[in-house]
Every structure is written in C-alpha cells, then in structure tokens.
Amino acid sequence: MMRAGWQRWVCYLSLALSVLLLLLPLPDALRPLRPWWPALVLLYWVLEAPDRVGLGTAFVTGLAADVLAGALLGDQALRLLVVVFLAQRFRARLRFFPIPQQSAAVLLLLLNDSLLRWLIRAFAGMSPPPPLAWMAPLVGAALWPFVFLLLDASRARLRAREP
C-alpha cells in the first residue's frame, strides 16, 4: 500500500519537473533544440506504469504546460494525447525493445509530434516553427536512454526501500 503511494508521488513529481524544465531559459540559438521533456517522461511512465498514467494525465500535463508557457491553449495537450495514445497502442512491443530501438521509436513519435505541431500552428495562423526545430526530436531521442535510466533508477530505489 505504501509503495504504490510513493510511486505515484514519484510519477507526478517527475511530470511536474518535466513541465518546469520547459520553462528554463535557453539562449536563442538553442531554444529550437529544446527536447520536449513532458513527452519523454510520459513515455517512460506509459511504458513502465500504464495503470498510473494515461490519456487523462497526458491531457492535464499538456494543459499545465500550455498555461505555464503561455502557449496556444490545448496545443501541447493535444500533442501529448497523440503521443501517449500511440505509446499505449504499441506498448506491448515498445516495452521489450532494447534501449537503442526504444530511442528509434521515441524519435518516430517525436517526429510525428513535430509534424502535428507544424499543422496546429498552420491552422492557428501562426508562423511555422524554425527549421532547426525539426532537430529537437533527435535531441529527445538522444536523451531517451538517460531519462529512462534516471526514472528507472528512482523506481528501483523506491522498491528497495520498501519492507
């Protein structure tokens, strides 16, 4: 009983931290390369604890990110819904891929998200993202092993502390 409570807190704390990482100031040259932290963290939790994280969590996380970043309301929420839906759909396969293959799958999911982002901005009448923004999925895929291992280590530490 206690273990489930702590794991839930670790899950929600990591999601909150991922949203806050979106707000970190970066130099103008690096801003388009910023990885989409909430998607990476949600992907981990969808793969490892699908009973705790689902479409509702993705929607709330996306709305929180939209409000905090001052972005188009619902933009990140819709994009996170699509990423989480696809991850849930292919969870049985993705979960057992080795880390390099998971990184490739994460790259495809993030490229799909970039295309969706471009379409949303086009329909909203906003300027398209800079061309360098298409490199952000590569950065996210490169960071996936580290995100996965960091979150997995925190879960393992919690399991080890339980009686």
Protein backbone atom coordinates (compact mmCIF):
# COMPACT_ATOMS: atom_id res chain seq x y z
CA MET A 1 0.00 0.00 0.00
CA MET A 2 2.74 2.41 0.96
CA ARG A 3 4.81 1.55 -2.11
CA ALA A 4 2.00 2.46 -4.52
CA GLY A 5 1.64 5.85 -2.85
CA TRP A 6 5.33 6.65 -3.16
CA GLN A 7 5.47 5.50 -6.77
CA ARG A 8 2.50 7.71 -7.57
CA TRP A 9 4.29 10.68 -5.99
CA VAL A 10 7.46 9.96 -7.95
CA CYS A 11 5.42 9.78 -11.13
CA TYR A 12 3.62 13.08 -10.58
CA LEU A 13 6.73 14.81 -9.27
CA SER A 14 8.68 13.78 -12.38
CA LEU A 15 5.87 15.08 -14.60
CA ALA A 16 5.83 18.40 -12.74
CA LEU A 17 9.60 18.65 -13.06
CA SER A 18 9.37 17.94 -16.79
CA VAL A 19 6.91 20.82 -17.23
CA LEU A 20 9.21 23.11 -15.27
CA LEU A 21 12.14 22.11 -17.49
CA LEU A 22 10.20 23.63 -20.39
CA LEU A 23 10.41 27.00 -18.66
CA LEU A 24 14.19 27.04 -18.25
CA PRO A 25 15.65 29.93 -20.22
CA LEU A 26 17.92 28.93 -23.07
CA PRO A 27 19.95 31.06 -25.49
CA ASP A 28 18.04 31.95 -28.64
CA ALA A 29 20.24 29.68 -30.75
CA LEU A 30 19.45 26.62 -28.58
CA ARG A 31 15.76 27.26 -27.95
CA PRO A 32 14.53 25.34 -31.04
CA LEU A 33 16.59 22.31 -29.96
CA ARG A 34 14.90 22.04 -26.56
CA PRO A 35 13.69 18.47 -26.02
CA TRP A 36 10.04 18.03 -25.18
CA TRP A 37 10.51 16.87 -21.60
CA PRO A 38 6.85 16.10 -20.75
CA ALA A 39 6.59 13.72 -23.70
CA LEU A 40 9.76 11.88 -22.67
CA VAL A 41 8.63 11.49 -19.06
CA LEU A 42 5.10 10.47 -20.06
CA LEU A 43 6.51 7.90 -22.47
CA TYR A 44 8.53 6.35 -19.65
CA TRP A 45 5.52 6.14 -17.34
CA VAL A 46 3.24 4.79 -20.07
CA LEU A 47 5.73 2.03 -20.75
CA GLU A 48 6.52 1.17 -17.14
CA ALA A 49 3.36 2.04 -15.17
CA PRO A 50 0.39 2.23 -17.54
CA ASP A 51 -2.04 1.90 -14.63
CA ARG A 52 -0.93 5.30 -13.29
CA VAL A 53 -0.51 7.30 -16.48
CA GLY A 54 -2.93 7.52 -19.35
CA LEU A 55 -4.68 9.92 -21.63
CA GLY A 56 -6.13 11.96 -18.76
CA THR A 57 -2.71 12.51 -17.23
CA ALA A 58 -1.33 13.48 -20.63
CA PHE A 59 -4.13 16.00 -21.14
CA VAL A 60 -3.72 17.61 -17.72
CA THR A 61 0.06 17.74 -18.11
CA GLY A 62 -0.32 19.34 -21.54
CA LEU A 63 -2.77 21.94 -20.26
CA ALA A 64 -0.44 22.78 -17.38
CA ALA A 65 2.45 23.16 -19.82
CA ASP A 66 0.31 25.38 -22.09
CA VAL A 67 -0.74 27.63 -19.23
CA LEU A 68 2.74 27.92 -17.70
CA ALA A 69 4.47 28.51 -21.05
CA GLY A 70 1.81 30.92 -22.29
CA ALA A 71 1.33 28.82 -25.42
CA LEU A 72 -1.78 28.27 -27.51
CA LEU A 73 -4.20 26.65 -25.05
CA GLY A 74 -4.63 22.98 -25.88
CA ASP A 75 -1.63 22.77 -28.23
CA GLN A 76 0.62 20.68 -26.00
CA ALA A 77 -2.37 18.88 -24.50
CA LEU A 78 -3.46 17.59 -27.92
CA ARG A 79 0.08 16.69 -28.91
CA LEU A 80 0.69 14.79 -25.65
CA LEU A 81 -2.61 12.96 -26.11
CA VAL A 82 -1.46 11.73 -29.52
CA VAL A 83 1.98 10.67 -28.24
CA VAL A 84 0.52 8.81 -25.25
CA PHE A 85 -2.19 7.18 -27.36
CA LEU A 86 0.39 5.85 -29.83
CA ALA A 87 2.64 4.70 -26.99
CA GLN A 88 -0.25 2.87 -25.33
CA ARG A 89 -1.21 1.29 -28.63
CA PHE A 90 2.27 -0.13 -29.18
CA ARG A 91 3.25 -0.56 -25.51
CA ALA A 92 3.48 -4.36 -25.68
CA ARG A 93 6.19 -4.09 -28.34
CA LEU A 94 7.98 -0.94 -27.19
CA ARG A 95 8.42 -2.11 -23.63
CA PHE A 96 10.60 -5.05 -24.59
CA PHE A 97 12.73 -3.27 -27.17
CA PRO A 98 16.36 -2.69 -26.19
CA ILE A 99 17.18 0.93 -25.37
CA PRO A 100 18.58 1.79 -28.86
CA GLN A 101 15.41 0.52 -30.51
CA GLN A 102 13.31 2.39 -27.97
CA SER A 103 15.25 5.54 -28.87
CA ALA A 104 14.39 4.99 -32.53
CA ALA A 105 10.71 4.56 -31.62
CA VAL A 106 10.85 7.71 -29.48
CA LEU A 107 12.38 9.53 -32.44
CA LEU A 108 9.46 8.48 -34.64
CA LEU A 109 6.93 9.54 -32.00
CA LEU A 110 8.62 12.91 -31.58
CA LEU A 111 8.85 13.44 -35.35
CA ASN A 112 5.12 12.71 -35.56
CA ASP A 113 4.65 15.29 -32.82
CA SER A 114 6.70 17.87 -34.73
CA LEU A 115 4.51 17.38 -37.76
CA LEU A 116 1.40 17.77 -35.62
CA ARG A 117 2.90 20.91 -34.06
CA TRP A 118 3.51 22.34 -37.51
CA LEU A 119 -0.08 21.58 -38.57
CA ILE A 120 -1.57 23.13 -35.42
CA ARG A 121 0.45 26.30 -35.93
CA ALA A 122 -0.60 26.45 -39.60
CA PHE A 123 -4.30 26.08 -38.72
CA ALA A 124 -3.98 28.70 -35.97
CA GLY A 125 -2.45 31.17 -38.44
CA MET A 126 0.83 31.32 -36.56
CA SER A 127 4.26 31.34 -38.12
CA PRO A 128 5.78 27.88 -38.56
CA PRO A 129 8.49 26.73 -36.17
CA PRO A 130 12.04 27.48 -37.29
CA PRO A 131 13.65 24.79 -39.45
CA LEU A 132 16.08 23.98 -36.63
CA ALA A 133 13.08 22.84 -34.54
CA TRP A 134 12.99 19.65 -36.63
CA MET A 135 16.22 18.68 -34.85
CA ALA A 136 14.53 18.68 -31.41
CA PRO A 137 13.21 15.11 -31.89
CA LEU A 138 16.81 13.96 -32.44
CA VAL A 139 17.82 15.61 -29.18
CA GLY A 140 14.89 13.95 -27.41
CA ALA A 141 15.77 10.54 -28.85
CA ALA A 142 19.41 11.02 -27.80
CA LEU A 143 18.31 11.89 -24.26
CA TRP A 144 15.83 9.00 -24.02
CA PRO A 145 18.34 6.47 -22.58
CA PHE A 146 19.29 8.91 -19.82
CA VAL A 147 15.67 9.78 -19.00
CA PHE A 148 14.75 6.10 -18.97
CA LEU A 149 17.68 5.10 -16.73
CA LEU A 150 17.18 8.01 -14.33
CA LEU A 151 13.48 7.32 -13.82
CA ASP A 152 14.06 3.58 -13.67
CA ALA A 153 16.73 4.05 -11.00
CA SER A 154 14.36 6.18 -8.92
CA ARG A 155 11.69 3.46 -9.14
CA ALA A 156 14.25 0.79 -8.21
CA ARG A 157 15.35 2.82 -5.19
CA LEU A 158 11.76 3.04 -4.02
CA ARG A 159 11.27 -0.71 -4.43
CA ALA A 160 14.46 -1.39 -2.47
CA ARG A 161 13.33 0.80 0.45
CA GLU A 162 10.02 -0.99 0.85
CA PRO A 163 9.79 -3.73 3.50
